[in-house]
Amino acid sequence: YIMDAIRVYASIGEIINTLKEVLELILKTQFFKLVKLNV
């Protein structure tokens, strides 16, 4: 049971990390678009 819980937590951590990376990329691209529009 404990091993299963550890696996689940590890997979959740990986998913959260990938989501963070995707969000950062989206925010960066949106920011650059805003800068281009303002300039």
PDB file of N, CA and C in Angstrom:
ATOM      1  N   TYR A   1       0.842  -1.215   0.000  1.00  0.00           N
ATOM      2  CA  TYR A   1       0.000   0.000   0.000  1.00  0.00           C
ATOM      3  C   TYR A   1       0.873   1.260   0.000  1.00  0.00           C
ATOM      4  N   ILE A   2       1.894   1.239   0.844  1.00  0.00           N
ATOM      5  CA  ILE A   2       2.767   2.418   0.951  1.00  0.00           C
ATOM      6  C   ILE A   2       3.478   2.672  -0.378  1.00  0.00           C
ATOM      7  N   MET A   3       3.966   1.602  -1.007  1.00  0.00           N
ATOM      8  CA  MET A   3       4.657   1.755  -2.287  1.00  0.00           C
ATOM      9  C   MET A   3       3.717   2.349  -3.336  1.00  0.00           C
ATOM     10  N   ASP A   4       2.467   1.899  -3.355  1.00  0.00           N
ATOM     11  CA  ASP A   4       1.499   2.443  -4.311  1.00  0.00           C
ATOM     12  C   ASP A   4       1.308   3.934  -4.060  1.00  0.00           C
ATOM     13  N   ALA A   5       1.204   4.320  -2.797  1.00  0.00           N
ATOM     14  CA  ALA A   5       1.006   5.734  -2.453  1.00  0.00           C
ATOM     15  C   ALA A   5       2.208   6.551  -2.928  1.00  0.00           C
ATOM     16  N   ILE A   6       3.409   6.018  -2.700  1.00  0.00           N
ATOM     17  CA  ILE A   6       4.624   6.736  -3.134  1.00  0.00           C
ATOM     18  C   ILE A   6       4.613   6.908  -4.650  1.00  0.00           C
ATOM     19  N   ARG A   7       4.215   5.858  -5.364  1.00  0.00           N
ATOM     20  CA  ARG A   7       4.169   5.943  -6.841  1.00  0.00           C
ATOM     21  C   ARG A   7       3.175   7.006  -7.272  1.00  0.00           C
ATOM     22  N   VAL A   8       2.012   7.022  -6.623  1.00  0.00           N
ATOM     23  CA  VAL A   8       0.981   8.005  -6.979  1.00  0.00           C
ATOM     24  C   VAL A   8       1.499   9.418  -6.726  1.00  0.00           C
ATOM     25  N   TYR A   9       2.110   9.631  -5.551  1.00  0.00           N
ATOM     26  CA  TYR A   9       2.629  10.965  -5.237  1.00  0.00           C
ATOM     27  C   TYR A   9       3.711  11.377  -6.230  1.00  0.00           C
ATOM     28  N   ALA A  10       4.561  10.437  -6.620  1.00  0.00           N
ATOM     29  CA  ALA A  10       5.627  10.736  -7.568  1.00  0.00           C
ATOM     30  C   ALA A  10       5.045  11.136  -8.918  1.00  0.00           C
ATOM     31  N   SER A  11       4.049  10.392  -9.377  1.00  0.00           N
ATOM     32  CA  SER A  11       3.440  10.702 -10.680  1.00  0.00           C
ATOM     33  C   SER A  11       2.737  12.047 -10.623  1.00  0.00           C
ATOM     34  N   ILE A  12       2.066  12.331  -9.499  1.00  0.00           N
ATOM     35  CA  ILE A  12       1.387  13.625  -9.346  1.00  0.00           C
ATOM     36  C   ILE A  12       2.422  14.746  -9.384  1.00  0.00           C
ATOM     37  N   GLY A  13       3.562  14.538  -8.716  1.00  0.00           N
ATOM     38  CA  GLY A  13       4.624  15.538  -8.711  1.00  0.00           C
ATOM     39  C   GLY A  13       5.131  15.800 -10.124  1.00  0.00           C
ATOM     40  N   GLU A  14       5.298  14.728 -10.906  1.00  0.00           N
ATOM     41  CA  GLU A  14       5.768  14.891 -12.291  1.00  0.00           C
ATOM     42  C   GLU A  14       4.751  15.665 -13.107  1.00  0.00           C
ATOM     43  N   ILE A  15       3.463  15.343 -12.922  1.00  0.00           N
ATOM     44  CA  ILE A  15       2.405  16.034 -13.668  1.00  0.00           C
ATOM     45  C   ILE A  15       2.401  17.514 -13.314  1.00  0.00           C
ATOM     46  N   ILE A  16       2.530  17.821 -12.018  1.00  0.00           N
ATOM     47  CA  ILE A  16       2.527  19.227 -11.577  1.00  0.00           C
ATOM     48  C   ILE A  16       3.722  19.961 -12.186  1.00  0.00           C
ATOM     49  N   ASN A  17       4.880  19.305 -12.204  1.00  0.00           N
ATOM     50  CA  ASN A  17       6.075  19.936 -12.767  1.00  0.00           C
ATOM     51  C   ASN A  17       5.883  20.237 -14.248  1.00  0.00           C
ATOM     52  N   THR A  18       5.322  19.283 -14.992  1.00  0.00           N
ATOM     53  CA  THR A  18       5.113  19.504 -16.428  1.00  0.00           C
ATOM     54  C   THR A  18       4.090  20.621 -16.637  1.00  0.00           C
ATOM     55  N   LEU A  19       3.042  20.646 -15.807  1.00  0.00           N
ATOM     56  CA  LEU A  19       2.037  21.708 -15.926  1.00  0.00           C
ATOM     57  C   LEU A  19       2.677  23.063 -15.669  1.00  0.00           C
ATOM     58  N   LYS A  20       3.557  23.129 -14.671  1.00  0.00           N
ATOM     59  CA  LYS A  20       4.244  24.394 -14.365  1.00  0.00           C
ATOM     60  C   LYS A  20       5.065  24.850 -15.562  1.00  0.00           C
ATOM     61  N   GLU A  21       5.795  23.917 -16.173  1.00  0.00           N
ATOM     62  CA  GLU A  21       6.615  24.266 -17.337  1.00  0.00           C
ATOM     63  C   GLU A  21       5.751  24.779 -18.480  1.00  0.00           C
ATOM     64  N   VAL A  22       4.626  24.091 -18.716  1.00  0.00           N
ATOM     65  CA  VAL A  22       3.717  24.508 -19.795  1.00  0.00           C
ATOM     66  C   VAL A  22       3.164  25.900 -19.499  1.00  0.00           C
ATOM     67  N   LEU A  23       2.765  26.129 -18.246  1.00  0.00           N
ATOM     68  CA  LEU A  23       2.221  27.440 -17.866  1.00  0.00           C
ATOM     69  C   LEU A  23       3.263  28.530 -18.073  1.00  0.00           C
ATOM     70  N   GLU A  24       4.503  28.248 -17.684  1.00  0.00           N
ATOM     71  CA  GLU A  24       5.571  29.232 -17.859  1.00  0.00           C
ATOM     72  C   GLU A  24       5.762  29.556 -19.334  1.00  0.00           C
ATOM     73  N   LEU A  25       5.750  28.528 -20.181  1.00  0.00           N
ATOM     74  CA  LEU A  25       5.909  28.752 -21.622  1.00  0.00           C
ATOM     75  C   LEU A  25       4.772  29.603 -22.159  1.00  0.00           C
ATOM     76  N   ILE A  26       3.540  29.273 -21.740  1.00  0.00           N
ATOM     77  CA  ILE A  26       2.367  30.034 -22.207  1.00  0.00           C
ATOM     78  C   ILE A  26       2.477  31.488 -21.753  1.00  0.00           C
ATOM     79  N   LEU A  27       2.843  31.691 -20.493  1.00  0.00           N
ATOM     80  CA  LEU A  27       2.954  33.054 -19.963  1.00  0.00           C
ATOM     81  C   LEU A  27       4.024  33.834 -20.730  1.00  0.00           C
ATOM     82  N   LYS A  28       5.147  33.180 -21.011  1.00  0.00           N
ATOM     83  CA  LYS A  28       6.230  33.851 -21.743  1.00  0.00           C
ATOM     84  C   LYS A  28       5.769  34.256 -23.130  1.00  0.00           C
ATOM     85  N   THR A  29       5.110  33.338 -23.848  1.00  0.00           N
ATOM     86  CA  THR A  29       4.664  33.651 -25.206  1.00  0.00           C
ATOM     87  C   THR A  29       3.625  34.763 -25.175  1.00  0.00           C
ATOM     88  N   GLN A  30       2.683  34.709 -24.222  1.00  0.00           N
ATOM     89  CA  GLN A  30       1.663  35.758 -24.100  1.00  0.00           C
ATOM     90  C   GLN A  30       2.337  37.091 -23.808  1.00  0.00           C
ATOM     91  N   PHE A  31       3.331  37.090 -22.911  1.00  0.00           N
ATOM     92  CA  PHE A  31       4.037  38.319 -22.558  1.00  0.00           C
ATOM     93  C   PHE A  31       4.727  38.912 -23.784  1.00  0.00           C
ATOM     94  N   PHE A  32       5.396  38.053 -24.565  1.00  0.00           N
ATOM     95  CA  PHE A  32       6.090  38.539 -25.758  1.00  0.00           C
ATOM     96  C   PHE A  32       5.092  39.110 -26.763  1.00  0.00           C
ATOM     97  N   LYS A  33       3.916  38.471 -26.872  1.00  0.00           N
ATOM     98  CA  LYS A  33       2.879  38.979 -27.784  1.00  0.00           C
ATOM     99  C   LYS A  33       2.435  40.370 -27.340  1.00  0.00           C
ATOM    100  N   LEU A  34       2.246  40.538 -26.028  1.00  0.00           N
ATOM    101  CA  LEU A  34       1.825  41.844 -25.500  1.00  0.00           C
ATOM    102  C   LEU A  34       2.887  42.897 -25.779  1.00  0.00           C
ATOM    103  N   VAL A  35       4.140  42.523 -25.573  1.00  0.00           N
ATOM    104  CA  VAL A  35       5.239  43.472 -25.817  1.00  0.00           C
ATOM    105  C   VAL A  35       5.253  43.886 -27.283  1.00  0.00           C
ATOM    106  N   LYS A  36       5.102  42.901 -28.176  1.00  0.00           N
ATOM    107  CA  LYS A  36       5.105  43.194 -29.615  1.00  0.00           C
ATOM    108  C   LYS A  36       3.936  44.122 -29.967  1.00  0.00           C
ATOM    109  N   LEU A  37       2.773  43.877 -29.380  1.00  0.00           N
ATOM    110  CA  LEU A  37       1.604  44.709 -29.670  1.00  0.00           C
ATOM    111  C   LEU A  37       1.830  46.139 -29.190  1.00  0.00           C
ATOM    112  N   ASN A  38       2.429  46.266 -27.997  1.00  0.00           N
ATOM    113  CA  ASN A  38       2.652  47.597 -27.442  1.00  0.00           C
ATOM    114  C   ASN A  38       3.706  48.359 -28.244  1.00  0.00           C
ATOM    115  N   VAL A  39       4.691  47.642 -28.781  1.00  0.00           N
ATOM    116  CA  VAL A  39       5.738  48.289 -29.572  1.00  0.00           C
ATOM    117  C   VAL A  39       5.270  48.450 -31.002  1.00  0.00           C
TER     118      VAL A  39
END
